[in-house]
Amino acid sequence: MAKILVVDDSATQIAQMSKVLQKYGHEILTAEDGAQAVEVTKAEMPDLILMDVVMPNLNGFQATRQITKGETTSHIPVIMLSGKDQETDKLWAERQGASGYFTKPPDEKDLMATIDSLLQA
């Protein structure tokens, strides 16, 4: 069982992802924007983060960069979830330090396989 931070400005998306993750026995933390995600990450040290891209205050790319480049948080894998499916978005996510990128809604089995492999790494 891992502690996973779900970051999205949509309460519906947070609820859907939380339901899937809880089904697999994971503990859920939530944040509604990138700035809150950075704060929660520093305070709670989740095992993994699922990060939306388009959000107010600090977008998912900016938040991911802060987390993956942070001294105390760089070890935490971030998987980006987005409605954007352009190859450039995926490359930009990689450059910010993301460990994975899925378009919404992600295939549950593929997402869980990626989460499992990152948690075991």
N, C-alpha and C. Protein backbone atom coordinates (compact mmCIF):
# COMPACT_ATOMS: atom_id res chain seq x y z
N MET A 1 0.84 -1.19 0.00
CA MET A 1 0.00 0.00 0.00
C MET A 1 0.87 1.24 0.00
N ALA A 2 0.64 2.11 -0.96
CA ALA A 2 1.44 3.33 -1.09
C ALA A 2 0.59 4.55 -0.81
N LYS A 3 1.26 5.63 -0.46
CA LYS A 3 0.62 6.92 -0.27
C LYS A 3 0.77 7.68 -1.58
N ILE A 4 -0.37 7.94 -2.25
CA ILE A 4 -0.34 8.57 -3.57
C ILE A 4 -1.08 9.90 -3.53
N LEU A 5 -0.41 10.94 -4.04
CA LEU A 5 -1.00 12.27 -4.13
C LEU A 5 -1.66 12.42 -5.49
N VAL A 6 -2.96 12.74 -5.49
CA VAL A 6 -3.71 12.98 -6.72
C VAL A 6 -3.91 14.49 -6.83
N VAL A 7 -3.41 15.08 -7.92
CA VAL A 7 -3.47 16.52 -8.11
C VAL A 7 -4.31 16.84 -9.34
N ASP A 8 -5.41 17.56 -9.12
CA ASP A 8 -6.28 17.95 -10.23
C ASP A 8 -7.19 19.08 -9.75
N ASP A 9 -7.50 20.02 -10.62
CA ASP A 9 -8.41 21.10 -10.24
C ASP A 9 -9.87 20.70 -10.41
N SER A 10 -10.13 19.48 -10.85
CA SER A 10 -11.48 18.95 -11.00
C SER A 10 -11.77 17.95 -9.87
N ALA A 11 -12.78 18.27 -9.05
CA ALA A 11 -13.17 17.37 -7.96
C ALA A 11 -13.62 16.02 -8.52
N THR A 12 -14.23 16.03 -9.69
CA THR A 12 -14.69 14.79 -10.32
C THR A 12 -13.50 13.90 -10.68
N GLN A 13 -12.46 14.50 -11.26
CA GLN A 13 -11.26 13.73 -11.62
C GLN A 13 -10.58 13.17 -10.37
N ILE A 14 -10.49 13.98 -9.32
CA ILE A 14 -9.88 13.51 -8.07
C ILE A 14 -10.67 12.31 -7.53
N ALA A 15 -11.99 12.42 -7.53
CA ALA A 15 -12.84 11.34 -7.02
C ALA A 15 -12.67 10.06 -7.85
N GLN A 16 -12.63 10.20 -9.17
CA GLN A 16 -12.48 9.02 -10.04
C GLN A 16 -11.13 8.34 -9.81
N MET A 17 -10.05 9.13 -9.77
CA MET A 17 -8.72 8.54 -9.58
C MET A 17 -8.60 7.94 -8.18
N SER A 18 -9.15 8.62 -7.19
CA SER A 18 -9.09 8.12 -5.81
C SER A 18 -9.79 6.77 -5.69
N LYS A 19 -10.93 6.65 -6.34
CA LYS A 19 -11.71 5.40 -6.31
C LYS A 19 -10.88 4.25 -6.89
N VAL A 20 -10.25 4.50 -8.02
CA VAL A 20 -9.42 3.46 -8.66
C VAL A 20 -8.26 3.08 -7.74
N LEU A 21 -7.55 4.07 -7.22
CA LEU A 21 -6.38 3.79 -6.38
C LEU A 21 -6.75 3.10 -5.08
N GLN A 22 -7.87 3.49 -4.47
CA GLN A 22 -8.31 2.86 -3.23
C GLN A 22 -8.69 1.41 -3.46
N LYS A 23 -9.22 1.11 -4.65
CA LYS A 23 -9.57 -0.27 -5.01
C LYS A 23 -8.32 -1.16 -4.93
N TYR A 24 -7.16 -0.58 -5.21
CA TYR A 24 -5.90 -1.33 -5.17
C TYR A 24 -5.20 -1.18 -3.82
N GLY A 25 -5.88 -0.59 -2.84
CA GLY A 25 -5.37 -0.52 -1.48
C GLY A 25 -4.46 0.66 -1.17
N HIS A 26 -4.40 1.65 -2.04
CA HIS A 26 -3.51 2.79 -1.81
C HIS A 26 -4.18 3.86 -0.95
N GLU A 27 -3.36 4.56 -0.18
CA GLU A 27 -3.81 5.70 0.61
C GLU A 27 -3.75 6.94 -0.28
N ILE A 28 -4.76 7.80 -0.21
CA ILE A 28 -4.87 8.94 -1.11
C ILE A 28 -4.68 10.27 -0.38
N LEU A 29 -3.87 11.11 -0.97
CA LEU A 29 -3.75 12.52 -0.59
C LEU A 29 -4.24 13.30 -1.79
N THR A 30 -4.75 14.52 -1.60
CA THR A 30 -5.21 15.30 -2.74
C THR A 30 -4.72 16.74 -2.68
N ALA A 31 -4.64 17.35 -3.86
CA ALA A 31 -4.32 18.77 -4.00
C ALA A 31 -5.10 19.28 -5.21
N GLU A 32 -5.50 20.56 -5.16
CA GLU A 32 -6.35 21.11 -6.21
C GLU A 32 -5.62 21.98 -7.22
N ASP A 33 -4.34 22.23 -7.00
CA ASP A 33 -3.54 22.97 -7.99
C ASP A 33 -2.07 22.65 -7.74
N GLY A 34 -1.22 23.15 -8.65
CA GLY A 34 0.19 22.83 -8.57
C GLY A 34 0.87 23.36 -7.32
N ALA A 35 0.51 24.57 -6.89
CA ALA A 35 1.12 25.15 -5.70
C ALA A 35 0.80 24.30 -4.47
N GLN A 36 -0.46 23.89 -4.36
CA GLN A 36 -0.86 23.03 -3.24
C GLN A 36 -0.16 21.68 -3.33
N ALA A 37 0.04 21.18 -4.53
CA ALA A 37 0.73 19.90 -4.72
C ALA A 37 2.15 19.96 -4.17
N VAL A 38 2.85 21.06 -4.44
CA VAL A 38 4.22 21.21 -3.94
C VAL A 38 4.22 21.24 -2.41
N GLU A 39 3.27 21.97 -1.82
CA GLU A 39 3.17 22.06 -0.36
C GLU A 39 2.88 20.70 0.26
N VAL A 40 1.88 20.00 -0.28
CA VAL A 40 1.49 18.70 0.26
C VAL A 40 2.64 17.70 0.10
N THR A 41 3.33 17.76 -1.02
CA THR A 41 4.46 16.85 -1.26
C THR A 41 5.53 17.05 -0.20
N LYS A 42 5.89 18.29 0.08
CA LYS A 42 6.93 18.57 1.08
C LYS A 42 6.49 18.15 2.48
N ALA A 43 5.21 18.33 2.79
CA ALA A 43 4.70 18.01 4.12
C ALA A 43 4.46 16.51 4.33
N GLU A 44 3.96 15.83 3.31
CA GLU A 44 3.51 14.44 3.46
C GLU A 44 4.44 13.39 2.84
N MET A 45 5.32 13.80 1.96
CA MET A 45 6.24 12.89 1.27
C MET A 45 5.54 11.64 0.72
N PRO A 46 4.63 11.85 -0.27
CA PRO A 46 3.94 10.69 -0.85
C PRO A 46 4.92 9.77 -1.58
N ASP A 47 4.49 8.55 -1.83
CA ASP A 47 5.33 7.59 -2.55
C ASP A 47 5.29 7.83 -4.06
N LEU A 48 4.22 8.48 -4.53
CA LEU A 48 4.03 8.72 -5.96
C LEU A 48 3.00 9.83 -6.13
N ILE A 49 3.08 10.55 -7.26
CA ILE A 49 2.14 11.64 -7.53
C ILE A 49 1.52 11.46 -8.91
N LEU A 50 0.20 11.63 -8.98
CA LEU A 50 -0.51 11.70 -10.25
C LEU A 50 -0.87 13.17 -10.44
N MET A 51 -0.32 13.80 -11.49
CA MET A 51 -0.38 15.25 -11.66
C MET A 51 -1.12 15.64 -12.94
N ASP A 52 -2.18 16.44 -12.78
CA ASP A 52 -2.86 17.04 -13.92
C ASP A 52 -1.92 18.08 -14.52
N VAL A 53 -2.15 18.48 -15.77
CA VAL A 53 -1.30 19.49 -16.42
C VAL A 53 -1.91 20.88 -16.31
N VAL A 54 -3.14 21.04 -16.78
CA VAL A 54 -3.75 22.37 -16.83
C VAL A 54 -4.47 22.66 -15.51
N MET A 55 -3.86 23.56 -14.71
CA MET A 55 -4.42 23.94 -13.41
C MET A 55 -4.09 25.40 -13.13
N PRO A 56 -4.86 26.04 -12.25
CA PRO A 56 -4.56 27.43 -11.89
C PRO A 56 -3.35 27.52 -10.96
N ASN A 57 -2.88 28.73 -10.74
CA ASN A 57 -1.76 29.07 -9.85
C ASN A 57 -0.42 28.57 -10.36
N LEU A 58 -0.23 27.27 -10.33
CA LEU A 58 1.00 26.65 -10.81
C LEU A 58 0.55 25.47 -11.65
N ASN A 59 0.90 25.42 -12.94
CA ASN A 59 0.42 24.29 -13.74
C ASN A 59 1.20 23.01 -13.40
N GLY A 60 0.75 21.90 -13.96
CA GLY A 60 1.36 20.61 -13.64
C GLY A 60 2.81 20.49 -14.06
N PHE A 61 3.18 21.11 -15.18
CA PHE A 61 4.58 21.08 -15.61
C PHE A 61 5.47 21.82 -14.60
N GLN A 62 5.02 23.00 -14.16
CA GLN A 62 5.79 23.80 -13.21
C GLN A 62 5.91 23.08 -11.86
N ALA A 63 4.80 22.52 -11.39
CA ALA A 63 4.81 21.81 -10.11
C ALA A 63 5.71 20.57 -10.18
N THR A 64 5.61 19.85 -11.30
CA THR A 64 6.45 18.65 -11.47
C THR A 64 7.92 19.02 -11.45
N ARG A 65 8.28 20.10 -12.13
CA ARG A 65 9.67 20.54 -12.15
C ARG A 65 10.15 20.88 -10.73
N GLN A 66 9.33 21.59 -9.96
CA GLN A 66 9.71 21.94 -8.59
C GLN A 66 9.90 20.69 -7.73
N ILE A 67 9.00 19.73 -7.89
CA ILE A 67 9.07 18.50 -7.08
C ILE A 67 10.26 17.63 -7.50
N THR A 68 10.43 17.40 -8.81
CA THR A 68 11.48 16.49 -9.26
C THR A 68 12.88 17.10 -9.17
N LYS A 69 12.96 18.41 -9.06
CA LYS A 69 14.27 19.07 -8.90
C LYS A 69 14.54 19.45 -7.45
N GLY A 70 13.55 19.27 -6.57
CA GLY A 70 13.70 19.63 -5.16
C GLY A 70 14.64 18.69 -4.42
N GLU A 71 15.40 19.25 -3.50
CA GLU A 71 16.37 18.45 -2.74
C GLU A 71 15.73 17.29 -2.00
N THR A 72 14.61 17.55 -1.33
CA THR A 72 13.98 16.52 -0.49
C THR A 72 12.91 15.72 -1.21
N THR A 73 12.52 16.15 -2.43
CA THR A 73 11.40 15.50 -3.12
C THR A 73 11.77 14.87 -4.47
N SER A 74 13.02 14.99 -4.88
CA SER A 74 13.41 14.54 -6.22
C SER A 74 13.25 13.03 -6.44
N HIS A 75 13.18 12.26 -5.36
CA HIS A 75 13.05 10.80 -5.48
C HIS A 75 11.60 10.35 -5.74
N ILE A 76 10.65 11.27 -5.63
CA ILE A 76 9.23 10.90 -5.75
C ILE A 76 8.82 10.89 -7.23
N PRO A 77 8.37 9.74 -7.74
CA PRO A 77 7.96 9.68 -9.14
C PRO A 77 6.66 10.45 -9.38
N VAL A 78 6.59 11.14 -10.51
CA VAL A 78 5.40 11.89 -10.90
C VAL A 78 4.90 11.35 -12.24
N ILE A 79 3.62 10.98 -12.28
CA ILE A 79 2.98 10.58 -13.52
C ILE A 79 2.02 11.70 -13.89
N MET A 80 2.16 12.20 -15.08
CA MET A 80 1.29 13.29 -15.52
C MET A 80 0.06 12.73 -16.23
N LEU A 81 -1.10 13.32 -15.92
CA LEU A 81 -2.36 12.96 -16.55
C LEU A 81 -2.91 14.20 -17.21
N SER A 82 -3.26 14.10 -18.48
CA SER A 82 -3.71 15.29 -19.19
C SER A 82 -4.69 14.96 -20.29
N GLY A 83 -5.51 15.93 -20.63
CA GLY A 83 -6.38 15.80 -21.80
C GLY A 83 -5.60 16.06 -23.07
N LYS A 84 -4.38 16.60 -22.92
CA LYS A 84 -3.55 16.92 -24.09
C LYS A 84 -2.76 15.67 -24.51
N ASP A 85 -2.85 15.33 -25.78
CA ASP A 85 -2.18 14.10 -26.22
C ASP A 85 -1.12 14.36 -27.29
N GLN A 86 -0.61 15.56 -27.34
CA GLN A 86 0.44 15.88 -28.31
C GLN A 86 1.79 15.30 -27.87
N GLU A 87 2.57 14.87 -28.81
CA GLU A 87 3.89 14.33 -28.51
C GLU A 87 4.76 15.37 -27.80
N THR A 88 4.60 16.65 -28.17
CA THR A 88 5.39 17.71 -27.52
C THR A 88 5.06 17.82 -26.04
N ASP A 89 3.79 17.58 -25.67
CA ASP A 89 3.41 17.62 -24.25
C ASP A 89 4.10 16.49 -23.48
N LYS A 90 4.16 15.33 -24.10
CA LYS A 90 4.82 14.18 -23.46
C LYS A 90 6.32 14.45 -23.28
N LEU A 91 6.94 15.01 -24.32
CA LEU A 91 8.37 15.33 -24.23
C LEU A 91 8.62 16.40 -23.17
N TRP A 92 7.75 17.41 -23.11
CA TRP A 92 7.90 18.48 -22.12
C TRP A 92 7.75 17.91 -20.71
N ALA A 93 6.82 16.98 -20.53
CA ALA A 93 6.63 16.33 -19.23
C ALA A 93 7.91 15.60 -18.81
N GLU A 94 8.51 14.87 -19.75
CA GLU A 94 9.78 14.17 -19.48
C GLU A 94 10.86 15.15 -19.05
N ARG A 95 10.94 16.28 -19.76
CA ARG A 95 11.97 17.28 -19.44
C ARG A 95 11.78 17.89 -18.06
N GLN A 96 10.53 17.88 -17.58
CA GLN A 96 10.27 18.42 -16.24
C GLN A 96 10.55 17.37 -15.16
N GLY A 97 10.84 16.15 -15.60
CA GLY A 97 11.18 15.09 -14.65
C GLY A 97 10.09 14.05 -14.44
N ALA A 98 9.01 14.12 -15.22
CA ALA A 98 7.92 13.15 -15.07
C ALA A 98 8.38 11.74 -15.43
N SER A 99 7.87 10.77 -14.69
CA SER A 99 8.21 9.36 -14.93
C SER A 99 7.22 8.67 -15.86
N GLY A 100 6.12 9.35 -16.17
CA GLY A 100 5.12 8.78 -17.05
C GLY A 100 4.13 9.84 -17.48
N TYR A 101 3.38 9.55 -18.56
CA TYR A 101 2.40 10.50 -19.10
C TYR A 101 1.24 9.72 -19.68
N PHE A 102 0.04 10.00 -19.21
CA PHE A 102 -1.17 9.36 -19.71
C PHE A 102 -2.18 10.42 -20.10
N THR A 103 -2.90 10.17 -21.20
CA THR A 103 -4.00 11.06 -21.54
C THR A 103 -5.24 10.58 -20.77
N LYS A 104 -6.09 11.54 -20.42
CA LYS A 104 -7.31 11.23 -19.67
C LYS A 104 -8.40 10.76 -20.62
N PRO A 105 -9.21 9.82 -20.22
CA PRO A 105 -9.04 9.01 -19.02
C PRO A 105 -8.02 7.90 -19.27
N PRO A 106 -7.13 7.65 -18.32
CA PRO A 106 -6.12 6.61 -18.55
C PRO A 106 -6.73 5.21 -18.48
N ASP A 107 -6.14 4.30 -19.23
CA ASP A 107 -6.53 2.90 -19.12
C ASP A 107 -6.09 2.41 -17.74
N GLU A 108 -7.04 1.91 -16.96
CA GLU A 108 -6.77 1.53 -15.58
C GLU A 108 -5.63 0.51 -15.45
N LYS A 109 -5.65 -0.52 -16.29
CA LYS A 109 -4.62 -1.56 -16.19
C LYS A 109 -3.24 -1.01 -16.54
N ASP A 110 -3.15 -0.18 -17.58
CA ASP A 110 -1.87 0.41 -17.96
C ASP A 110 -1.36 1.36 -16.87
N LEU A 111 -2.26 2.18 -16.34
CA LEU A 111 -1.88 3.11 -15.28
C LEU A 111 -1.39 2.36 -14.05
N MET A 112 -2.12 1.34 -13.63
CA MET A 112 -1.73 0.59 -12.43
C MET A 112 -0.43 -0.18 -12.65
N ALA A 113 -0.20 -0.67 -13.86
CA ALA A 113 1.07 -1.35 -14.16
C ALA A 113 2.23 -0.36 -14.03
N THR A 114 2.04 0.86 -14.53
CA THR A 114 3.09 1.89 -14.44
C THR A 114 3.32 2.27 -12.98
N ILE A 115 2.22 2.47 -12.24
CA ILE A 115 2.35 2.81 -10.81
C ILE A 115 3.10 1.71 -10.08
N ASP A 116 2.70 0.47 -10.30
CA ASP A 116 3.36 -0.66 -9.62
C ASP A 116 4.85 -0.72 -9.93
N SER A 117 5.20 -0.52 -11.20
CA SER A 117 6.63 -0.61 -11.56
C SER A 117 7.42 0.55 -10.95
N LEU A 118 6.83 1.74 -10.89
CA LEU A 118 7.54 2.88 -10.28
C LEU A 118 7.68 2.71 -8.77
N LEU A 119 6.68 2.14 -8.13
CA LEU A 119 6.74 1.93 -6.67
C LEU A 119 7.77 0.86 -6.31
N GLN A 120 8.02 -0.08 -7.22
CA GLN A 120 8.98 -1.15 -6.96
C GLN A 120 10.40 -0.77 -7.32
N ALA A 121 10.55 0.32 -8.04
CA ALA A 121 11.88 0.74 -8.51
C ALA A 121 12.76 1.20 -7.37
